[in-house]
Amino acid sequence: MVRRLWLASLVFFIVGVLATMYGQSRENRIVDGLVDTLMQGAGQSVGGGNVDFNTFSTLPVPVARYFKHVLMNGQPLIAQAKIRQSGELRSDTVNENWYPFTASHLTVPPVTGFAWIAKAGTPFASHLRVLDSYRDGAGASRVSLYSAFNLGSDQDSPELNAATLQRYLAEAVWAPTALLPQFGVAWTEIDDTAALATLSVKDTTVSLEFRFNQRGEVTSVYTPARFRLVDGGYKAQPWEGRFSDYQLQSGMKVPHSAVAGWLEEGVLKEVWRGNLVKVQYKIVM
């Protein structure tokens, strides 16, 4: 009896290992295919040449001040940004458990696309891999246990497309030339410290309010309506991201710390806190 139980346990263990290996291989192919497709888009041409401060006279005052503060006149445009992040996140505003994560964030402005691949530690020595992306006008989100077993996914729904395009627009502060009009961003002045950024891709148009300090740094981005998954369906709710600790990266000033979350009764309930670990840029040739 003991021998049979031991053999059965060994078989279950081997089957589990093989299933995990197969699942990880499948999930890795999904990630690699997405990243390869995005990186190919980094070679696409972008009109407008290098950064030209002389063209900023038509921009809202706080936006022109921002670009002149974080960019260098004449510098090339960013074709690709590879960012390493670390931080902590939680699944919802009511979840008191925060989980540490490390992430690779690829942004490709010429095709208005990104991929965020994160590994979040969870109890009992397990982990979740979270893949959020936007490419070809479609958003996607996928969560897998042990980077092997798909726990849930969604893609190319109107609500998710809008939410992921808003995320791309907000996180463009880490690749600031992506916020230039050459990349399709239209700016409308609100006042001396805020402006509305609007971006359209295929059938989706989104806007975010960018708020600036007197130095010209983006301190926060806000929308009164970003789609959030609630009880199995999407609901539009106020959302805000906040940025701080601007540092030089390849001659540009970008924030090294950020938090993001949902506004509930006017109070920001954070669900994401992150820091930049490493940034690498590829320029438009």
Protein backbone atom coordinates (compact mmCIF):
# COMPACT_ATOMS: atom_id res chain seq x y z
CA MET A 1 0.00 0.00 0.00
CA VAL A 2 2.77 2.45 0.96
CA ARG A 3 4.63 1.62 -2.26
CA ARG A 4 1.49 2.25 -4.33
CA LEU A 5 0.87 5.57 -2.63
CA TRP A 6 4.48 6.55 -3.22
CA LEU A 7 4.26 5.61 -6.89
CA ALA A 8 0.98 7.48 -7.28
CA SER A 9 2.47 10.58 -5.67
CA LEU A 10 5.48 10.36 -7.99
CA VAL A 11 3.23 10.07 -11.05
CA PHE A 12 1.15 13.09 -9.98
CA PHE A 13 4.34 15.06 -9.37
CA ILE A 14 5.76 14.22 -12.79
CA VAL A 15 2.46 15.01 -14.50
CA GLY A 16 2.33 18.33 -12.65
CA VAL A 17 5.86 19.22 -13.66
CA LEU A 18 5.20 18.33 -17.30
CA ALA A 19 1.93 20.28 -17.33
CA THR A 20 3.69 23.32 -15.85
CA MET A 21 6.52 23.10 -18.39
CA TYR A 22 4.05 22.81 -21.26
CA GLY A 23 1.98 25.71 -19.94
CA GLN A 24 5.03 27.91 -19.47
CA SER A 25 6.16 27.15 -23.01
CA ARG A 26 2.72 28.11 -24.36
CA GLU A 27 2.56 31.34 -22.34
CA ASN A 28 6.13 32.24 -23.31
CA ARG A 29 5.26 31.87 -27.00
CA ILE A 30 2.37 34.29 -26.53
CA VAL A 31 4.64 36.85 -24.85
CA ASP A 32 7.49 36.41 -27.35
CA GLY A 33 5.15 36.75 -30.31
CA LEU A 34 3.68 39.98 -28.95
CA VAL A 35 7.08 41.49 -28.17
CA ASP A 36 8.51 40.52 -31.57
CA THR A 37 5.58 42.11 -33.39
CA LEU A 38 5.91 45.34 -31.41
CA MET A 39 9.66 45.55 -31.89
CA GLN A 40 9.26 45.20 -35.64
CA GLY A 41 7.05 48.28 -35.50
CA ALA A 42 9.90 50.31 -34.00
CA GLY A 43 11.38 50.56 -37.49
CA GLN A 44 8.41 52.43 -38.94
CA SER A 45 9.05 55.98 -40.03
CA VAL A 46 7.58 58.95 -38.19
CA GLY A 47 6.97 62.33 -39.80
CA GLY A 48 8.35 65.48 -38.29
CA GLY A 49 12.02 64.61 -37.86
CA ASN A 50 13.76 65.54 -34.61
CA VAL A 51 12.45 67.55 -31.68
CA ASP A 52 12.10 71.19 -32.74
CA PHE A 53 11.36 73.74 -30.02
CA ASN A 54 10.30 76.25 -32.71
CA THR A 55 7.17 74.19 -33.39
CA PHE A 56 5.96 74.41 -29.78
CA SER A 57 4.46 77.90 -30.18
CA THR A 58 1.13 76.35 -31.20
CA LEU A 59 0.97 74.10 -28.15
CA PRO A 60 -0.75 75.01 -24.87
CA VAL A 61 1.59 76.90 -22.54
CA PRO A 62 2.04 74.13 -19.92
CA VAL A 63 2.65 71.51 -22.63
CA ALA A 64 5.32 73.58 -24.37
CA ARG A 65 6.94 74.21 -20.97
CA TYR A 66 6.90 70.46 -20.27
CA PHE A 67 8.56 69.51 -23.56
CA LYS A 68 11.24 72.19 -23.19
CA HIS A 69 11.94 70.97 -19.66
CA VAL A 70 12.19 67.23 -20.32
CA LEU A 71 13.56 67.15 -23.90
CA MET A 72 16.56 68.58 -25.74
CA ASN A 73 16.14 70.69 -28.85
CA GLY A 74 17.13 68.68 -31.91
CA GLN A 75 17.15 65.30 -30.20
CA PRO A 76 15.89 62.25 -32.16
CA LEU A 77 12.45 60.81 -31.54
CA ILE A 78 12.05 57.63 -29.50
CA ALA A 79 11.26 54.51 -31.53
CA GLN A 80 11.34 52.11 -28.62
CA ALA A 81 11.64 52.23 -24.84
CA LYS A 82 12.56 49.17 -22.77
CA ILE A 83 11.86 49.75 -19.10
CA ARG A 84 12.50 47.58 -16.06
CA GLN A 85 10.26 48.23 -13.06
CA SER A 86 9.80 47.03 -9.52
CA GLY A 87 7.07 47.77 -7.03
CA GLU A 88 3.91 46.39 -5.51
CA LEU A 89 0.32 45.95 -6.60
CA ARG A 90 -3.01 44.65 -5.42
CA SER A 91 -6.00 43.25 -7.27
CA ASP A 92 -8.57 45.76 -6.05
CA THR A 93 -9.06 48.78 -3.80
CA VAL A 94 -10.67 46.60 -1.12
CA ASN A 95 -7.86 44.05 -1.09
CA GLU A 96 -5.51 44.84 1.80
CA ASN A 97 -2.80 42.48 0.51
CA TRP A 98 -0.07 44.04 -1.60
CA TYR A 99 2.16 41.81 -3.74
CA PRO A 100 5.69 42.66 -4.89
CA PHE A 101 6.32 42.64 -8.63
CA THR A 102 9.04 43.06 -11.20
CA ALA A 103 8.13 43.99 -14.74
CA SER A 104 9.40 44.56 -18.25
CA HIS A 105 7.63 47.40 -20.04
CA LEU A 106 8.09 47.82 -23.80
CA THR A 107 6.71 50.96 -25.45
CA VAL A 108 6.80 51.48 -29.23
CA PRO A 109 5.53 54.99 -30.16
CA PRO A 110 5.63 54.59 -33.98
CA VAL A 111 2.86 51.97 -33.75
CA THR A 112 1.20 53.30 -30.57
CA GLY A 113 1.77 50.03 -28.78
CA PHE A 114 3.07 48.61 -25.53
CA ALA A 115 3.53 45.35 -23.65
CA TRP A 116 3.79 45.10 -19.87
CA ILE A 117 4.97 41.73 -18.59
CA ALA A 118 5.00 41.47 -14.80
CA LYS A 119 5.76 38.73 -12.32
CA ALA A 120 3.95 39.24 -9.01
CA GLY A 121 4.80 37.19 -5.94
CA THR A 122 1.82 35.59 -4.19
CA PRO A 123 1.44 33.43 -1.06
CA PHE A 124 2.83 29.89 -0.78
CA ALA A 125 5.85 30.63 -3.01
CA SER A 126 3.64 30.98 -6.09
CA HIS A 127 3.54 33.80 -8.59
CA LEU A 128 1.28 35.34 -11.19
CA ARG A 129 2.37 36.60 -14.56
CA VAL A 130 0.38 39.57 -15.82
CA LEU A 131 0.50 40.51 -19.48
CA ASP A 132 -1.16 43.80 -20.48
CA SER A 133 -0.74 45.11 -24.01
CA TYR A 134 -1.98 47.34 -26.79
CA ARG A 135 -1.21 46.87 -30.48
CA ASP A 136 -2.97 47.38 -33.79
CA GLY A 137 -5.77 49.23 -32.01
CA ALA A 138 -6.59 46.32 -29.69
CA GLY A 139 -6.00 45.94 -25.97
CA ALA A 140 -5.35 42.64 -24.24
CA SER A 141 -4.95 41.42 -20.67
CA ARG A 142 -3.90 37.96 -19.51
CA VAL A 143 -3.10 36.50 -16.07
CA SER A 144 -1.42 33.12 -15.58
CA LEU A 145 -0.45 31.15 -12.46
CA TYR A 146 3.23 30.12 -12.37
CA SER A 147 3.48 31.71 -15.86
CA ALA A 148 1.81 28.50 -17.04
CA PHE A 149 -1.91 28.22 -16.26
CA ASN A 150 -4.24 30.85 -17.71
CA LEU A 151 -6.50 32.24 -14.98
CA GLY A 152 -8.28 34.81 -17.12
CA SER A 153 -7.94 36.91 -20.24
CA ASP A 154 -9.73 39.45 -22.37
CA GLN A 155 -8.88 41.15 -25.63
CA ASP A 156 -10.18 43.57 -28.23
CA SER A 157 -13.35 44.62 -26.41
CA PRO A 158 -14.29 48.32 -26.80
CA GLU A 159 -13.91 48.94 -23.07
CA LEU A 160 -10.53 47.24 -22.80
CA ASN A 161 -9.29 48.96 -25.96
CA ALA A 162 -10.11 52.34 -24.42
CA ALA A 163 -8.61 51.50 -21.02
CA THR A 164 -5.33 50.20 -22.47
CA LEU A 165 -4.99 53.14 -24.85
CA GLN A 166 -5.44 55.47 -21.87
CA ARG A 167 -2.71 53.54 -20.08
CA TYR A 168 -0.40 53.93 -23.08
CA LEU A 169 -1.06 57.67 -23.13
CA ALA A 170 -0.46 58.08 -19.39
CA GLU A 171 2.76 56.04 -19.38
CA ALA A 172 4.16 57.92 -22.37
CA VAL A 173 5.84 60.20 -19.80
CA TRP A 174 8.55 57.47 -19.75
CA ALA A 175 9.05 57.96 -23.50
CA PRO A 176 8.20 61.67 -23.69
CA THR A 177 8.62 62.24 -27.44
CA ALA A 178 5.60 59.89 -27.82
CA LEU A 179 3.48 62.77 -26.51
CA LEU A 180 4.45 65.06 -29.40
CA PRO A 181 1.88 65.88 -32.11
CA GLN A 182 3.99 63.83 -34.56
CA PHE A 183 2.68 60.73 -32.79
CA GLY A 184 -0.96 61.75 -33.05
CA VAL A 185 -1.47 63.43 -29.67
CA ALA A 186 -3.71 66.51 -29.82
CA TRP A 187 -3.38 69.00 -26.95
CA THR A 188 -6.06 71.36 -25.64
CA GLU A 189 -5.25 73.91 -22.95
CA ILE A 190 -7.26 73.81 -19.72
CA ASP A 191 -5.28 76.43 -17.80
CA ASP A 192 -1.67 77.34 -17.03
CA THR A 193 -1.09 74.11 -15.15
CA ALA A 194 -3.19 71.56 -17.06
CA ALA A 195 -3.99 70.41 -20.58
CA LEU A 196 -6.09 67.70 -22.20
CA ALA A 197 -4.29 65.11 -24.35
CA THR A 198 -6.40 63.28 -26.93
CA LEU A 199 -5.30 60.26 -28.94
CA SER A 200 -7.21 58.29 -31.59
CA VAL A 201 -6.35 54.85 -32.94
CA LYS A 202 -8.74 53.17 -35.37
CA ASP A 203 -12.21 53.29 -33.73
CA THR A 204 -11.00 54.31 -30.26
CA THR A 205 -10.49 57.89 -29.03
CA VAL A 206 -9.39 58.64 -25.48
CA SER A 207 -8.41 61.71 -23.49
CA LEU A 208 -6.47 62.33 -20.30
CA GLU A 209 -5.98 65.51 -18.30
CA PHE A 210 -2.25 66.13 -17.74
CA ARG A 211 -1.34 68.28 -14.75
CA PHE A 212 2.01 70.07 -14.50
CA ASN A 213 4.05 71.79 -11.80
CA GLN A 214 5.84 75.09 -12.37
CA ARG A 215 9.06 73.32 -13.40
CA GLY A 216 7.16 71.78 -16.29
CA GLU A 217 6.98 68.22 -14.94
CA VAL A 218 3.87 66.08 -15.30
CA THR A 219 2.76 65.44 -11.73
CA SER A 220 -0.45 63.55 -12.48
CA VAL A 221 -2.80 62.34 -15.19
CA TYR A 222 -6.55 62.05 -14.65
CA THR A 223 -9.71 60.89 -16.31
CA PRO A 224 -13.26 60.92 -14.91
CA ALA A 225 -14.03 57.72 -16.80
CA ARG A 226 -11.70 54.77 -17.30
CA PHE A 227 -13.17 51.31 -17.69
CA ARG A 228 -12.57 48.97 -14.77
CA LEU A 229 -13.55 45.31 -14.43
CA VAL A 230 -16.18 45.05 -11.68
CA ASP A 231 -18.16 41.88 -10.94
CA GLY A 232 -17.40 40.40 -14.34
CA GLY A 233 -18.29 43.53 -16.32
CA TYR A 234 -16.74 46.87 -17.22
CA LYS A 235 -17.66 50.06 -15.41
CA ALA A 236 -16.28 53.55 -16.07
CA GLN A 237 -14.81 55.18 -12.96
CA PRO A 238 -12.45 58.07 -12.17
CA TRP A 239 -8.77 57.09 -12.40
CA GLU A 240 -5.53 58.91 -11.65
CA GLY A 241 -1.80 58.30 -11.98
CA ARG A 242 0.82 60.35 -10.13
CA PHE A 243 4.48 60.81 -11.04
CA SER A 244 7.52 62.04 -9.10
CA ASP A 245 11.32 61.88 -8.77
CA TYR A 246 12.28 63.11 -12.23
CA GLN A 247 15.78 62.07 -13.28
CA LEU A 248 17.88 62.27 -16.44
CA GLN A 249 17.74 59.30 -18.78
CA SER A 250 19.59 59.59 -22.09
CA GLY A 251 19.37 63.36 -21.86
CA MET A 252 15.64 63.37 -21.08
CA LYS A 253 13.93 63.93 -17.74
CA VAL A 254 11.51 61.13 -16.81
CA PRO A 255 9.79 60.23 -13.52
CA HIS A 256 11.30 57.35 -11.59
CA SER A 257 8.40 56.82 -9.20
CA ALA A 258 4.67 56.50 -9.86
CA VAL A 259 1.43 55.40 -8.26
CA ALA A 260 -1.95 54.72 -9.87
CA GLY A 261 -5.41 53.91 -8.66
CA TRP A 262 -9.12 54.62 -8.62
CA LEU A 263 -10.73 57.70 -7.15
CA GLU A 264 -13.48 56.75 -4.72
CA GLU A 265 -15.41 59.64 -3.19
CA GLY A 266 -12.59 61.92 -4.28
CA VAL A 267 -9.88 59.88 -2.54
CA LEU A 268 -7.18 58.07 -4.54
CA LYS A 269 -7.20 54.37 -3.69
CA GLU A 270 -3.88 53.14 -5.02
CA VAL A 271 -3.62 49.73 -6.65
CA TRP A 272 -0.17 50.11 -8.24
CA ARG A 273 3.11 51.56 -6.96
CA GLY A 274 6.23 51.34 -9.09
CA ASN A 275 9.79 52.52 -9.58
CA LEU A 276 12.02 52.57 -12.63
CA VAL A 277 15.03 50.27 -12.36
CA LYS A 278 16.50 50.62 -15.85
CA VAL A 279 15.56 52.38 -19.09
CA GLN A 280 16.93 51.79 -22.59
CA TYR A 281 15.88 53.84 -25.64
CA LYS A 282 16.12 53.18 -29.35
CA ILE A 283 15.73 56.22 -31.57
CA VAL A 284 13.91 56.68 -34.86
CA MET A 285 16.42 56.40 -37.67
